[in-house]
């Protein structure tokens, strides 16, 4: 019985769903421009509000560590 209710609820949600196209998204007013500062850091343009994306930071750090190990290994000094 609960399975039927869940299916019926999903159908109702899908019937009310509207497609967002470029014109509808362009009509949105307000908001702030987000600027990527690089390496997983993002800031609002013109304000001091910034935040980081930890998964992006760890991905970049992992690439740097692996590339250093492959290119130089633990026995060759870095340039």
C-alpha atoms as a PDB file:
ATOM      1  CA  UNK A   1       0.000   0.000   0.000  1.00  0.00           C
ATOM      2  CA  UNK A   2       2.727   2.511   0.913  1.00  0.00           C
ATOM      3  CA  UNK A   3       4.478   1.723  -2.356  1.00  0.00           C
ATOM      4  CA  UNK A   4       1.356   2.730  -4.318  1.00  0.00           C
ATOM      5  CA  UNK A   5       1.092   6.006  -2.400  1.00  0.00           C
ATOM      6  CA  UNK A   6       4.739   6.824  -3.177  1.00  0.00           C
ATOM      7  CA  UNK A   7       4.203   6.130  -6.866  1.00  0.00           C
ATOM      8  CA  UNK A   8       1.046   8.245  -6.950  1.00  0.00           C
ATOM      9  CA  UNK A   9       2.824  11.126  -5.208  1.00  0.00           C
ATOM     10  CA  UNK A  10       5.679  10.993  -7.725  1.00  0.00           C
ATOM     11  CA  UNK A  11       3.232  11.171 -10.623  1.00  0.00           C
ATOM     12  CA  UNK A  12       1.574  14.261  -9.156  1.00  0.00           C
ATOM     13  CA  UNK A  13       4.928  15.969  -8.751  1.00  0.00           C
ATOM     14  CA  UNK A  14       5.892  15.185 -12.342  1.00  0.00           C
ATOM     15  CA  UNK A  15       2.594  16.549 -13.655  1.00  0.00           C
ATOM     16  CA  UNK A  16       3.242  19.906 -11.947  1.00  0.00           C
ATOM     17  CA  UNK A  17       6.838  20.108 -13.172  1.00  0.00           C
ATOM     18  CA  UNK A  18       7.668  22.999 -15.525  1.00  0.00           C
ATOM     19  CA  UNK A  19      10.615  22.989 -17.881  1.00  0.00           C
ATOM     20  CA  UNK A  20      13.163  25.724 -17.221  1.00  0.00           C
ATOM     21  CA  UNK A  21      14.539  27.166 -20.430  1.00  0.00           C
ATOM     22  CA  UNK A  22      17.014  29.961 -21.131  1.00  0.00           C
ATOM     23  CA  UNK A  23      14.319  32.652 -21.276  1.00  0.00           C
ATOM     24  CA  UNK A  24      12.927  31.724 -17.851  1.00  0.00           C
ATOM     25  CA  UNK A  25      16.393  31.611 -16.284  1.00  0.00           C
ATOM     26  CA  UNK A  26      17.316  34.958 -17.859  1.00  0.00           C
ATOM     27  CA  UNK A  27      14.232  36.547 -16.294  1.00  0.00           C
ATOM     28  CA  UNK A  28      15.489  35.855 -12.748  1.00  0.00           C
ATOM     29  CA  UNK A  29      16.416  39.124 -11.037  1.00  0.00           C
ATOM     30  CA  UNK A  30      18.805  39.641  -8.150  1.00  0.00           C
ATOM     31  CA  UNK A  31      21.508  37.353  -6.924  1.00  0.00           C
ATOM     32  CA  UNK A  32      25.217  37.975  -6.932  1.00  0.00           C
ATOM     33  CA  UNK A  33      27.953  37.106  -9.374  1.00  0.00           C
ATOM     34  CA  UNK A  34      30.211  34.337  -8.056  1.00  0.00           C
ATOM     35  CA  UNK A  35      33.877  34.502  -9.051  1.00  0.00           C
ATOM     36  CA  UNK A  36      36.183  31.483  -8.959  1.00  0.00           C
ATOM     37  CA  UNK A  37      39.466  32.459  -7.343  1.00  0.00           C
ATOM     38  CA  UNK A  38      41.067  29.176  -8.451  1.00  0.00           C
ATOM     39  CA  UNK A  39      41.969  25.993  -6.582  1.00  0.00           C
ATOM     40  CA  UNK A  40      38.498  25.555  -5.081  1.00  0.00           C
ATOM     41  CA  UNK A  41      37.992  29.075  -3.683  1.00  0.00           C
ATOM     42  CA  UNK A  42      34.912  31.115  -4.633  1.00  0.00           C
ATOM     43  CA  UNK A  43      33.889  34.677  -3.705  1.00  0.00           C
ATOM     44  CA  UNK A  44      30.945  36.948  -4.343  1.00  0.00           C
ATOM     45  CA  UNK A  45      31.976  39.678  -6.749  1.00  0.00           C
ATOM     46  CA  UNK A  46      32.360  42.932  -4.830  1.00  0.00           C
ATOM     47  CA  UNK A  47      31.904  41.585  -1.283  1.00  0.00           C
ATOM     48  CA  UNK A  48      34.104  39.890   1.269  1.00  0.00           C
ATOM     49  CA  UNK A  49      32.030  36.680   1.378  1.00  0.00           C
ATOM     50  CA  UNK A  50      34.181  33.730   0.268  1.00  0.00           C
ATOM     51  CA  UNK A  51      33.991  29.958   0.679  1.00  0.00           C
ATOM     52  CA  UNK A  52      35.884  26.863  -0.403  1.00  0.00           C
ATOM     53  CA  UNK A  53      34.934  23.604  -2.076  1.00  0.00           C
ATOM     54  CA  UNK A  54      36.792  20.924  -0.063  1.00  0.00           C
ATOM     55  CA  UNK A  55      36.357  18.185  -2.677  1.00  0.00           C
ATOM     56  CA  UNK A  56      37.910  20.416  -5.344  1.00  0.00           C
ATOM     57  CA  UNK A  57      40.771  21.397  -3.015  1.00  0.00           C
ATOM     58  CA  UNK A  58      41.550  17.745  -2.153  1.00  0.00           C
ATOM     59  CA  UNK A  59      41.413  16.795  -5.832  1.00  0.00           C
ATOM     60  CA  UNK A  60      43.932  19.507  -6.737  1.00  0.00           C
ATOM     61  CA  UNK A  61      46.177  18.663  -3.755  1.00  0.00           C
ATOM     62  CA  UNK A  62      46.113  14.978  -4.724  1.00  0.00           C
ATOM     63  CA  UNK A  63      47.158  15.789  -8.285  1.00  0.00           C
ATOM     64  CA  UNK A  64      50.044  17.943  -7.050  1.00  0.00           C
ATOM     65  CA  UNK A  65      51.253  15.204  -4.675  1.00  0.00           C
ATOM     66  CA  UNK A  66      50.995  12.436  -7.288  1.00  0.00           C
ATOM     67  CA  UNK A  67      52.690  14.522  -9.987  1.00  0.00           C
ATOM     68  CA  UNK A  68      55.528  15.388  -7.592  1.00  0.00           C
ATOM     69  CA  UNK A  69      56.003  11.737  -6.678  1.00  0.00           C
ATOM     70  CA  UNK A  70      55.931  10.553 -10.321  1.00  0.00           C
ATOM     71  CA  UNK A  71      58.203  13.287 -11.673  1.00  0.00           C
ATOM     72  CA  UNK A  72      60.768  13.417  -8.866  1.00  0.00           C
ATOM     73  CA  UNK A  73      60.165  10.541  -6.495  1.00  0.00           C
ATOM     74  CA  UNK A  74      61.272  10.729  -2.868  1.00  0.00           C
ATOM     75  CA  UNK A  75      64.971  10.622  -3.769  1.00  0.00           C
ATOM     76  CA  UNK A  76      65.444  13.526  -6.244  1.00  0.00           C
ATOM     77  CA  UNK A  77      65.452  17.094  -4.868  1.00  0.00           C
ATOM     78  CA  UNK A  78      62.775  19.424  -6.200  1.00  0.00           C
ATOM     79  CA  UNK A  79      63.886  22.288  -8.451  1.00  0.00           C
END
